Protein backbone atom coordinates (compact mmCIF):
# COMPACT_ATOMS: atom_id res chain seq x y z
CA MET A 1 -25.15 -36.45 24.51
CA GLY A 2 -22.97 -35.99 21.43
CA ALA A 3 -25.99 -36.47 19.19
CA ILE A 4 -27.90 -33.82 21.18
CA PHE A 5 -25.07 -31.27 20.87
CA GLU A 6 -24.72 -32.08 17.18
CA GLY A 7 -28.46 -31.54 16.70
CA ASN A 8 -28.31 -28.20 18.52
CA ALA A 9 -25.38 -27.09 16.38
CA ARG A 10 -27.28 -27.98 13.23
CA GLY A 11 -30.33 -26.10 14.50
CA GLU A 12 -28.25 -22.99 15.17
CA LYS A 13 -26.66 -23.15 11.72
CA MET A 14 -30.09 -23.56 10.15
CA SER A 15 -31.49 -20.58 12.06
CA GLU A 16 -28.48 -18.47 11.08
CA ALA A 17 -28.94 -19.45 7.43
CA LEU A 18 -32.64 -18.56 7.56
CA ALA A 19 -31.79 -15.24 9.21
CA ASP A 20 -29.29 -14.47 6.45
CA VAL A 21 -31.86 -15.32 3.78
CA PHE A 22 -34.37 -13.01 5.51
CA TRP A 23 -31.76 -10.23 5.65
CA ILE A 24 -30.95 -10.55 1.95
CA LEU A 25 -34.40 -11.17 0.46
CA ILE A 26 -36.87 -9.40 2.80
CA PHE A 27 -35.55 -6.82 5.27
CA PRO A 28 -33.46 -4.82 4.78
CA GLY A 29 -32.46 -6.55 1.55
CA PHE A 30 -34.28 -6.94 -1.74
CA LEU A 31 -37.96 -6.39 -0.87
CA PHE A 32 -37.46 -3.45 1.51
CA THR A 33 -34.83 -1.68 -0.63
CA ALA A 34 -36.74 -2.23 -3.89
CA CYS A 35 -39.98 -0.81 -2.44
CA PHE A 36 -38.10 2.06 -0.82
CA GLY A 37 -36.31 2.76 -4.11
CA LEU A 38 -39.50 2.72 -6.18
CA ILE A 39 -41.08 5.19 -3.75
CA ALA A 40 -37.96 7.38 -3.96
CA SER A 41 -38.10 7.23 -7.78
CA TRP A 42 -41.74 8.35 -7.60
CA ILE A 43 -40.70 11.33 -5.44
CA VAL A 44 -38.02 12.27 -8.00
CA ARG A 45 -40.52 12.06 -10.87
CA LYS A 46 -43.24 13.88 -8.93
CA VAL A 47 -41.01 16.76 -7.84
CA SER A 48 -39.65 17.10 -11.40
CA ALA A 49 -43.23 17.25 -12.70
CA LEU A 50 -44.27 19.89 -10.15
CA VAL A 51 -41.25 22.01 -11.02
CA GLN A 52 -42.32 21.87 -14.68
CA TRP A 53 -45.98 22.59 -13.80
CA ARG A 54 -47.13 19.09 -14.71
CA VAL A 55 -49.32 16.77 -12.67
CA GLY A 56 -46.85 13.89 -12.60
CA PRO A 57 -47.45 10.17 -12.06
CA PRO A 58 -49.66 8.64 -9.34
CA PHE A 59 -47.96 7.17 -6.28
CA LEU A 60 -48.06 3.55 -7.45
CA GLN A 61 -46.91 4.27 -11.01
CA PRO A 62 -43.34 2.89 -10.52
CA PHE A 63 -44.85 -0.35 -9.16
CA TYR A 64 -47.31 -0.49 -12.08
CA ASP A 65 -44.43 -0.05 -14.54
CA VAL A 66 -42.44 -2.95 -13.08
CA ILE A 67 -45.48 -5.25 -12.85
CA LYS A 68 -46.47 -4.43 -16.44
CA LEU A 69 -42.98 -5.13 -17.75
CA MET A 70 -42.82 -8.44 -15.85
CA GLY A 71 -45.86 -9.60 -17.80
CA LYS A 72 -44.55 -8.67 -21.23
CA GLU A 73 -42.62 -10.82 -23.65
CA ILE A 74 -38.82 -10.77 -23.57
CA LEU A 75 -37.51 -9.96 -27.04
CA ILE A 76 -33.86 -10.77 -27.74
CA PRO A 77 -32.17 -9.40 -30.87
CA GLN A 78 -31.28 -12.07 -33.42
CA ASP A 79 -27.54 -11.23 -33.44
CA ALA A 80 -27.26 -10.67 -29.68
CA GLN A 81 -25.01 -12.71 -27.41
CA ARG A 82 -27.86 -14.29 -25.46
CA THR A 83 -25.95 -15.36 -22.33
CA VAL A 84 -24.40 -11.94 -21.73
CA PHE A 85 -27.56 -10.09 -22.75
CA ILE A 86 -29.71 -12.05 -20.28
CA GLY A 87 -27.13 -12.35 -17.51
CA ALA A 88 -26.09 -8.69 -17.36
CA PRO A 89 -29.29 -7.42 -15.62
CA LEU A 90 -29.02 -10.22 -13.04
CA VAL A 91 -25.38 -9.33 -12.30
CA GLY A 92 -26.26 -5.65 -11.92
CA LEU A 93 -29.16 -6.48 -9.59
CA ALA A 94 -26.94 -8.81 -7.53
CA GLY A 95 -24.33 -6.07 -7.12
CA VAL A 96 -26.73 -3.41 -5.85
CA LEU A 97 -28.53 -6.01 -3.69
CA LEU A 98 -25.29 -6.97 -1.94
CA LEU A 99 -24.34 -3.30 -1.55
CA SER A 100 -27.67 -2.25 -0.03
CA THR A 101 -27.85 -5.28 2.28
CA MET A 102 -24.31 -4.65 3.51
CA LEU A 103 -24.99 -0.94 4.15
CA TRP A 104 -28.28 -1.56 5.96
CA ARG A 105 -26.76 -4.33 8.06
CA ILE A 106 -23.83 -2.09 9.07
CA THR A 107 -26.35 0.61 10.01
CA ILE A 108 -28.64 -1.66 12.04
CA ASP A 109 -26.26 -4.23 13.54
CA GLN A 110 -22.94 -2.35 13.34
CA THR A 111 -21.50 -5.58 11.88
CA ALA A 112 -18.63 -4.27 9.76
CA PHE A 113 -15.25 -5.59 8.73
CA VAL A 114 -11.98 -3.88 7.89
CA GLY A 115 -11.92 -2.90 4.23
CA ASP A 116 -15.68 -2.97 3.70
CA ILE A 117 -15.50 0.51 2.15
CA ILE A 118 -13.34 -0.98 -0.63
CA VAL A 119 -15.89 -3.77 -1.16
CA ALA A 120 -18.66 -1.15 -1.33
CA ILE A 121 -16.77 0.82 -4.00
CA TYR A 122 -16.40 -2.34 -6.11
CA LEU A 123 -20.09 -3.22 -5.71
CA MET A 124 -21.08 0.32 -6.72
CA THR A 125 -19.24 -0.18 -10.01
CA LEU A 126 -20.85 -3.54 -10.81
CA PRO A 127 -24.24 -2.27 -12.15
CA SER A 128 -22.49 0.16 -14.52
CA LEU A 129 -20.21 -2.58 -15.84
CA ALA A 130 -23.17 -4.94 -16.22
CA LEU A 131 -25.02 -2.26 -18.19
CA ILE A 132 -22.02 -1.84 -20.51
CA PHE A 133 -21.72 -5.60 -21.12
CA GLY A 134 -25.46 -6.07 -21.59
CA SER A 135 -25.89 -3.23 -24.07
CA SER A 136 -22.77 -4.18 -26.02
CA ALA A 137 -24.12 -7.73 -26.34
CA SER A 138 -27.35 -6.53 -27.96
CA ALA A 139 -25.76 -5.86 -31.39
CA SER A 140 -27.80 -2.67 -31.75
CA PRO A 141 -26.25 0.49 -33.27
CA HIS A 142 -28.20 2.76 -30.89
CA ALA A 143 -27.09 0.65 -27.92
CA ALA A 144 -23.51 0.75 -29.24
CA VAL A 145 -23.53 4.55 -29.11
CA GLY A 146 -24.93 4.43 -25.59
CA THR A 147 -22.35 1.83 -24.58
CA GLY A 148 -19.51 4.04 -25.77
CA ARG A 149 -20.91 6.97 -23.82
CA GLU A 150 -21.41 4.87 -20.69
CA MET A 151 -17.84 3.56 -20.85
CA LYS A 152 -16.42 7.07 -21.17
CA LEU A 153 -18.67 8.32 -18.39
CA VAL A 154 -17.62 5.51 -16.03
CA MET A 155 -13.95 6.19 -16.74
CA SER A 156 -14.61 9.87 -16.08
CA TYR A 157 -16.32 9.74 -12.69
CA GLU A 158 -14.81 6.64 -11.06
CA LEU A 159 -11.40 8.22 -10.41
CA PRO A 160 -12.82 11.40 -8.79
CA LEU A 161 -15.17 9.22 -6.72
CA VAL A 162 -12.29 7.10 -5.40
CA LEU A 163 -10.23 10.25 -4.67
CA ALA A 164 -13.19 11.65 -2.71
CA PHE A 165 -13.23 8.53 -0.55
CA ILE A 166 -9.45 8.82 -0.08
CA VAL A 167 -10.08 12.25 1.44
CA VAL A 168 -12.49 10.60 3.90
CA ILE A 169 -9.95 7.89 4.77
CA ILE A 170 -7.34 10.59 5.47
CA LYS A 171 -9.78 12.63 7.58
CA THR A 172 -10.74 9.58 9.67
CA GLY A 173 -7.16 8.60 10.42
CA GLY A 174 -6.85 5.78 7.88
CA GLN A 175 -10.08 3.96 8.78
CA LEU A 176 -11.25 1.37 6.24
CA SER A 177 -14.34 0.24 8.15
CA LEU A 178 -17.66 1.88 7.31
CA ALA A 179 -18.92 1.48 10.88
CA ALA A 180 -15.90 3.43 12.17
CA ILE A 181 -16.12 6.05 9.41
CA ALA A 182 -19.84 6.56 10.12
CA GLN A 183 -18.98 7.65 13.67
CA GLN A 184 -17.36 10.80 12.26
CA THR A 185 -18.52 13.63 9.99
CA PRO A 186 -15.83 14.48 7.42
CA ALA A 187 -18.17 16.87 5.56
CA LEU A 188 -17.84 19.36 8.43
CA SER A 189 -14.45 20.46 7.09
CA ILE A 190 -13.26 22.25 3.97
CA SER A 191 -11.62 19.20 2.41
CA GLY A 192 -14.50 16.95 3.43
CA MET A 193 -17.10 19.31 1.96
CA LEU A 194 -15.18 19.53 -1.33
CA ALA A 195 -14.99 15.72 -1.47
CA PHE A 196 -18.69 15.41 -0.60
CA LEU A 197 -19.79 17.78 -3.39
CA VAL A 198 -17.63 15.98 -5.97
CA ALA A 199 -18.89 12.57 -4.78
CA LEU A 200 -22.48 13.86 -5.03
CA LEU A 201 -21.91 14.82 -8.68
CA CYS A 202 -20.33 11.42 -9.35
CA ILE A 203 -23.39 9.72 -7.83
CA GLN A 204 -25.58 11.90 -10.09
CA ALA A 205 -23.72 10.47 -13.08
CA LYS A 206 -23.80 6.92 -11.71
CA LEU A 207 -27.58 7.15 -11.34
CA GLY A 208 -27.92 8.41 -14.92
CA PHE A 209 -29.68 11.63 -13.87
CA VAL A 210 -29.58 14.88 -15.84
CA PRO A 211 -27.14 16.46 -16.70
CA PHE A 212 -25.29 13.13 -16.99
CA ASP A 213 -28.01 10.99 -18.62
CA ILE A 214 -25.80 10.87 -21.72
CA ALA A 215 -25.82 7.10 -22.16
CA GLU A 216 -29.64 6.80 -22.25
CA ALA A 217 -30.58 10.20 -23.79
CA GLU A 218 -34.08 9.27 -25.02
CA THR A 219 -34.34 12.31 -27.33
CA GLU A 220 -31.03 11.49 -29.03
CA ILE A 221 -30.48 7.73 -29.17
CA GLY A 222 -33.79 6.28 -27.99
CA SER A 223 -32.79 5.04 -24.50
CA GLY A 224 -29.32 4.07 -25.74
CA VAL A 225 -27.94 1.33 -23.51
CA LEU A 226 -31.45 0.05 -22.71
CA MET A 227 -32.66 0.24 -26.32
CA GLU A 228 -33.05 -3.51 -26.91
CA TYR A 229 -34.24 -4.56 -23.45
CA SER A 230 -37.88 -5.43 -22.90
CA GLY A 231 -40.16 -7.41 -20.62
CA ALA A 232 -38.78 -8.84 -17.39
CA LEU A 233 -35.18 -7.95 -18.27
CA LEU A 234 -36.08 -4.27 -18.57
CA ALA A 235 -38.03 -4.56 -15.31
CA ILE A 236 -34.89 -5.86 -13.61
CA TRP A 237 -32.96 -2.83 -14.86
CA LYS A 238 -35.69 -0.52 -13.54
CA VAL A 239 -35.62 -2.20 -10.11
CA THR A 240 -31.80 -2.04 -10.10
CA GLN A 241 -31.88 1.70 -10.79
CA ALA A 242 -34.48 2.19 -8.04
CA MET A 243 -32.36 0.26 -5.54
CA MET A 244 -29.32 2.32 -6.53
CA LEU A 245 -31.34 5.42 -5.65
CA VAL A 246 -31.42 4.02 -2.11
CA ALA A 247 -27.96 2.48 -1.81
CA LEU A 248 -25.83 5.29 -3.26
CA PRO A 249 -27.23 8.18 -1.16
CA LEU A 250 -27.14 5.85 1.86
CA PHE A 251 -23.45 5.20 1.21
CA LEU A 252 -22.70 8.93 0.88
CA ALA A 253 -24.52 9.64 4.15
CA MET A 254 -22.53 6.96 5.97
CA VAL A 255 -19.18 8.10 4.57
CA PHE A 256 -19.53 11.89 4.73
CA LEU A 257 -22.41 12.81 7.07
CA GLY A 258 -22.00 10.52 10.06
CA GLY A 259 -24.37 7.70 9.10
CA PHE A 260 -27.67 6.84 10.79
CA ASP A 261 -28.90 5.72 14.18
CA SER A 262 -29.08 1.93 14.42
CA ASN A 263 -32.71 2.18 15.61
CA PHE A 264 -33.65 4.53 12.78
CA LEU A 265 -37.25 3.31 12.46
CA ALA A 266 -38.10 3.94 16.12
CA GLY A 267 -39.27 7.49 15.34
CA LEU A 268 -42.25 6.18 13.37
CA GLY A 269 -43.46 4.27 16.41
CA ARG A 270 -43.43 7.31 18.71
CA PRO A 271 -47.02 7.84 19.94
CA VAL A 272 -48.89 11.11 19.43
CA GLY A 273 -52.07 10.78 21.45
CA THR A 274 -53.34 7.29 20.77
CA LEU A 275 -51.73 6.72 17.37
CA PRO A 276 -48.08 6.24 16.39
CA VAL A 277 -46.49 8.97 14.26
CA GLY A 278 -46.07 6.57 11.34
CA VAL A 279 -49.81 5.80 11.24
CA ILE A 280 -50.69 9.51 11.33
CA VAL A 281 -48.29 10.30 8.48
CA LEU A 282 -49.68 7.36 6.47
CA LEU A 283 -53.27 8.57 6.96
CA VAL A 284 -52.31 12.11 5.93
CA PHE A 285 -50.60 10.76 2.82
CA ILE A 286 -53.59 8.60 1.83
CA VAL A 287 -56.07 11.47 2.27
CA THR A 288 -53.92 14.03 0.45
CA SER A 289 -53.19 11.58 -2.40
CA PHE A 290 -56.94 11.03 -2.83
CA LEU A 291 -57.66 14.78 -2.83
CA ALA A 292 -54.68 15.61 -5.09
CA ARG A 293 -56.83 15.25 -8.22
CA PHE A 294 -58.66 18.45 -7.19
CA SER A 295 -55.65 20.65 -6.45
CA LYS A 296 -51.97 20.68 -7.27
CA TYR A 297 -51.15 22.12 -3.85
CA ILE A 298 -52.71 19.17 -2.03
CA ASP A 299 -50.38 16.99 -4.10
CA ILE A 300 -47.48 18.86 -2.54
CA LEU A 301 -48.84 17.97 0.91
CA ALA A 302 -48.72 14.29 -0.04
CA LEU A 303 -45.06 14.67 -0.95
CA LEU A 304 -44.32 16.53 2.27
CA SER A 305 -45.98 13.79 4.33
CA LEU A 306 -43.64 11.18 2.80
CA ILE A 307 -40.64 13.40 3.46
CA ALA A 308 -41.84 13.90 7.03
CA ALA A 309 -42.01 10.13 7.47
CA CYS A 310 -38.38 9.82 6.38
CA LEU A 311 -37.33 12.62 8.73
CA LEU A 312 -39.18 11.06 11.67
CA ALA A 313 -37.53 7.73 10.87
CA GLY A 314 -34.12 9.34 11.25
CA LEU A 315 -33.36 9.36 7.51
CA GLY A 316 -32.97 13.13 7.22
CA LYS A 317 -29.46 12.82 5.76
CA TYR A 318 -30.78 10.54 3.03
CA VAL A 319 -33.54 13.07 2.28
CA LEU A 320 -30.95 15.87 2.07
CA ILE A 321 -28.88 13.98 -0.52
CA VAL A 322 -31.95 13.05 -2.60
CA VAL A 323 -33.13 16.68 -2.53
CA LEU A 324 -29.72 17.81 -3.81
CA LEU A 325 -29.86 15.18 -6.59
CA ILE A 326 -33.34 16.38 -7.62
CA LEU A 327 -32.17 20.02 -7.50
CA ILE A 328 -29.23 19.29 -9.81
CA LYS A 329 -31.45 17.21 -12.11
CA ASN A 330 -34.01 19.97 -12.61
CA THR A 331 -31.71 22.97 -12.95
CA ASN A 332 -29.22 21.75 -15.55
CA PRO A 333 -29.43 20.70 -19.22
CA ARG A 334 -27.83 17.52 -20.52
CA VAL A 335 -24.13 17.91 -21.23
CA ARG A 336 -22.13 16.30 -24.04
CA ILE A 337 -19.84 13.39 -23.23
CA ASP A 338 -16.71 15.49 -23.88
CA GLN A 339 -18.00 18.16 -21.51
CA ALA A 340 -18.67 15.53 -18.83
CA MET A 341 -15.19 14.05 -19.19
CA LYS A 342 -13.56 17.47 -18.99
CA PHE A 343 -15.67 18.35 -15.96
CA PHE A 344 -14.81 15.22 -13.97
CA TRP A 345 -11.16 14.91 -14.96
CA PHE A 346 -10.19 18.58 -14.91
CA TYR A 347 -12.43 20.56 -12.54
CA CYS A 348 -13.27 17.75 -10.11
CA GLY A 349 -9.68 16.49 -10.29
CA ILE A 350 -8.30 19.89 -9.29
CA ALA A 351 -10.86 20.25 -6.49
CA LEU A 352 -9.96 16.83 -5.09
CA ALA A 353 -6.22 17.48 -5.35
CA VAL A 354 -6.77 20.58 -3.21
CA ALA A 355 -9.00 18.56 -0.84
CA ILE A 356 -6.36 15.84 -0.40
CA ILE A 357 -3.64 18.43 0.32
CA LEU A 358 -5.86 20.20 2.86
CA ALA A 359 -6.81 16.88 4.48
CA LEU A 360 -3.14 15.88 4.80
CA ILE A 361 -2.22 19.26 6.30
CA GLY A 362 -5.16 19.14 8.71
CA ASN A 363 -4.38 15.56 9.72
CA THR A 364 -0.67 16.33 10.26
CA TYR A 365 -1.13 19.50 12.30
CA GLY A 366 -4.40 18.57 14.02
CA ILE A 367 -6.49 21.24 12.24
CA ASN A 368 -9.88 19.55 12.08
CA TRP A 369 -11.65 22.23 10.05
CA LEU A 370 -9.27 21.70 7.13
């Protein structure tokens, strides 16, 4: 009997281990988040092109870019510190992978732990630190300039970002669990909205989008921090950036906008006639993508069909944040590093000081709208 129970226990542990591997590598971990992120990056590039009256890339272009880079030779500078140079992309990818898997699992299973918001903040910082270490190890003068800019930028936006999350913790009564925080909507208050807008700008900088693409700045320093990366290592950085485009807006939605329904994909399975909604949206997207070569306006329909799929899947809050990021990206010029530091430390700092005071007053006197 003891042998039977021991065998059952081993079988349960094995099944749990396989389930964890599936969560991390397939869904909703690496494969799902990477594909989702590459599609989101295509939407960002396509919308930016349409705004500038360009055609923009085809739908599969981000996937083509990664596949092409994976097949190219990895060139390492002669004077580079090889271990750090090669290991940095892997550390950055591991950080965003753990962050996205944790956020998706909290959304789907509601399996959270006290203090997970602090863990998420640390994991959000890991790709930026890995980028700094990797570029500084390349021994390139262009990368050195980009590294200096990235370090200053990280020091600029990290403090306002943490202060924005402190506002949320105050508004939620001291909650440190993302599952508990996601049950509330701090952005529906003055202090919460101020914190949300500042956090959105910090995420813009963390993603390296205009106007805070100072560290890469192709027209100034030739990709800067990524100057010496090539082949599979550069592909890893591209996938990491795509996954951050999923994880960071997802985190903002959970913290400020009330999170997502645990069964968020159920909307795509809702039948309309004989076909599920997801199949109809997919067919519309395929047809409009094929016809897009004849008209720019049909191309817009392809974009709208993808956005509709996200809305039907219950990811409307994610779409809202990505739309705001694209809007900021396409309506502002690149700023200098001193302007960015002044903006985050001075203007965002003052806004968050006011937000914290309002949140404390509202929490003390029970005024929810503060």
